[in-house]
Protein backbone atom coordinates (compact mmCIF):
# COMPACT_ATOMS: atom_id res chain seq x y z
CA MET A 1 -0.30 -0.08 -0.11
CA LYS A 2 1.74 3.52 -1.03
CA ASP A 3 1.86 6.28 2.07
CA LYS A 4 -0.60 9.05 1.76
CA PHE A 5 0.92 12.37 1.77
CA ARG A 6 1.02 14.16 5.14
CA ALA A 7 3.03 17.14 5.40
CA GLN A 8 3.83 20.15 8.27
CA PHE A 9 4.41 23.68 6.86
CA PRO A 10 6.24 25.59 9.57
CA LYS A 11 5.24 29.39 10.98
CA SER A 12 4.59 31.31 8.79
CA ASP A 13 3.45 35.33 9.58
CA PHE A 14 0.01 35.94 7.47
CA GLY A 15 -1.36 39.94 7.26
CA VAL A 16 -4.86 40.17 8.25
CA ASP A 17 -7.35 42.05 6.41
CA ALA A 18 -11.27 40.12 6.94
CA GLY A 19 -10.42 38.54 10.57
CA MET A 20 -9.63 35.02 9.53
CA ILE A 21 -6.65 32.92 8.00
CA GLY A 22 -7.72 30.08 6.21
CA VAL A 23 -6.67 26.86 3.98
CA LEU A 24 -8.25 27.00 0.09
CA ASP A 25 -8.77 25.15 -3.06
CA ALA A 26 -6.59 27.09 -5.02
CA ALA A 27 -9.18 25.79 -7.94
CA TRP A 28 -11.92 26.73 -6.23
CA VAL A 29 -11.28 29.81 -5.65
CA LYS A 30 -10.13 30.41 -9.30
CA GLU A 31 -13.76 28.87 -10.59
CA ASN A 32 -15.08 31.36 -8.12
CA GLY A 33 -13.46 34.48 -9.62
CA GLY A 34 -10.88 34.64 -7.10
CA ASP A 35 -6.48 35.13 -7.58
CA PRO A 36 -5.24 32.33 -6.07
CA GLU A 37 -1.57 34.04 -6.86
CA ASP A 38 -2.54 37.27 -4.63
CA ASP A 39 1.08 38.45 -2.76
CA GLY A 40 -0.37 38.10 0.71
CA THR A 41 -1.10 34.20 -0.08
CA THR A 42 0.83 31.50 -0.08
CA THR A 43 0.57 28.14 -2.39
CA ILE A 44 1.05 24.88 -0.66
CA SER A 45 1.54 21.64 -3.27
CA LEU A 46 -0.21 18.43 -3.12
CA PRO A 47 0.63 15.43 -4.89
CA LYS A 48 -2.80 15.19 -6.53
CA PRO A 49 -6.55 16.06 -6.32
CA GLY A 50 -8.41 14.80 -3.34
CA LYS A 51 -9.44 14.46 0.51
CA TYR A 52 -7.18 16.23 2.70
CA LYS A 53 -7.71 16.92 6.35
CA VAL A 54 -6.47 20.63 7.25
CA THR A 55 -5.19 21.90 10.39
CA VAL A 56 -4.85 25.30 10.98
CA LYS A 57 -3.29 26.73 14.23
CA ILE A 58 -2.61 29.98 15.03
CA ARG A 59 -1.37 31.38 18.19
CA GLY A 60 -1.47 35.22 19.78
CA CYS A 61 -4.25 36.11 18.18
CA TRP A 62 -7.07 38.51 19.21
CA ARG A 63 -8.71 35.31 20.45
CA GLY A 64 -5.45 33.47 22.27
CA SER A 65 -4.50 30.61 20.84
CA VAL A 66 -7.50 28.97 17.79
CA LYS A 67 -7.24 26.06 15.80
CA ALA A 68 -9.49 24.47 12.99
CA THR A 69 -9.39 21.57 11.51
CA GLY A 70 -11.51 19.68 8.15
CA ILE A 71 -11.57 17.74 5.22
CA ILE A 72 -10.91 19.67 1.98
CA GLU A 73 -11.37 18.37 -0.55
CA ALA A 74 -9.33 19.43 -3.76
CA LYS A 75 -10.20 19.65 -6.81
CA GLY A 76 -6.36 20.38 -8.07
CA ASN A 77 -3.12 20.13 -6.80
CA ARG A 78 -2.69 23.46 -4.56
CA LEU A 79 -4.56 25.07 -1.63
CA VAL A 80 -3.95 28.58 -0.94
CA VAL A 81 -3.40 29.47 2.57
CA GLY A 82 -3.57 33.28 3.99
CA ASP A 83 -6.92 35.72 4.93
CA PRO A 84 -9.63 34.56 2.42
CA CYS A 85 -9.82 38.41 1.07
CA TYR A 86 -6.47 38.70 -0.42
CA SER A 87 -7.90 36.04 -3.26
CA TRP A 88 -11.17 38.36 -4.16
CA SER A 89 -9.45 41.87 -3.17
CA SER A 90 -9.58 44.98 -5.71
CA LEU A 91 -6.02 44.93 -5.57
CA SER A 92 -6.39 41.17 -7.11
CA GLY A 93 -8.85 42.78 -9.77
CA THR A 94 -11.60 40.99 -8.43
CA PRO A 95 -15.17 43.12 -8.23
CA GLN A 96 -16.55 44.42 -4.75
CA ASP A 97 -19.52 41.72 -5.88
CA VAL A 98 -17.52 39.01 -6.58
CA TRP A 99 -16.36 39.06 -3.12
CA ASP A 100 -19.99 39.86 -1.34
CA LYS A 101 -21.17 36.69 -3.30
CA ILE A 102 -18.54 34.62 -1.99
CA LEU A 103 -18.98 35.67 1.84
CA ARG A 104 -23.04 34.98 1.27
CA ASP A 105 -22.51 31.70 -0.73
CA THR A 106 -19.77 30.47 2.34
CA ASN A 107 -22.24 32.28 5.44
CA PHE A 108 -18.86 34.04 6.00
CA PHE A 109 -16.76 30.93 5.16
CA ARG A 110 -18.56 29.44 8.42
CA LYS A 111 -20.59 26.87 6.22
CA ARG A 112 -20.72 23.46 7.55
CA ALA A 113 -20.15 20.66 5.79
CA LYS A 114 -18.40 17.53 6.55
CA VAL A 115 -16.16 18.15 3.49
CA LYS A 116 -15.81 21.71 1.80
CA PRO A 117 -13.67 23.62 -0.55
CA PHE A 118 -11.75 25.75 2.35
CA VAL A 119 -10.88 25.19 6.19
CA VAL A 120 -11.03 28.85 8.38
CA ALA A 121 -9.66 29.73 11.74
CA ASP A 122 -10.92 33.05 12.75
CA THR A 123 -8.50 35.29 14.46
CA GLY A 124 -10.91 37.70 16.12
CA GLY A 125 -9.62 41.02 14.13
CA ASP A 126 -6.87 41.91 12.06
CA GLY A 127 -3.43 41.87 12.24
CA CYS A 128 -0.49 39.38 11.62
CA PHE A 129 -0.28 35.93 12.85
CA ALA A 130 1.86 32.99 13.15
CA THR A 131 -0.12 30.56 11.28
CA GLU A 132 0.93 26.66 11.67
CA VAL A 133 -0.79 24.35 8.58
CA GLU A 134 -0.81 20.92 8.83
CA VAL A 135 -1.90 18.54 5.64
CA GLU A 136 -3.05 15.06 5.12
CA GLU A 137 -4.91 12.61 2.95
CA VAL A 138 -7.71 10.62 3.81
């Protein structure tokens, strides 16, 4: 049996302007009018599309230490890490109504589902936060 992909990514500082740091399927971002290559985000390469358990850990944010875990179904082989607003910002050329629709459709990234295209941790406010990400193929 072939080993499953598992990786832990070191702490990186991410700027936050929408009160959250997330891991999103890059294909889903692009499908929904966003730019997965924005300067405020980082990309994680996956060996193949599929389901991945993702854990986001943030220490020292407005809410203290936070952790979010979920299953992402990646349509492509990349994940985007950062504040989701950067992938749909006016700086990336996205019209405001597209970002507004994403917020409505995802219930401000709080939509509940067993498998979804994102896992988001609520920082409780804006700033710059050290974040760790773990990804494991399921």
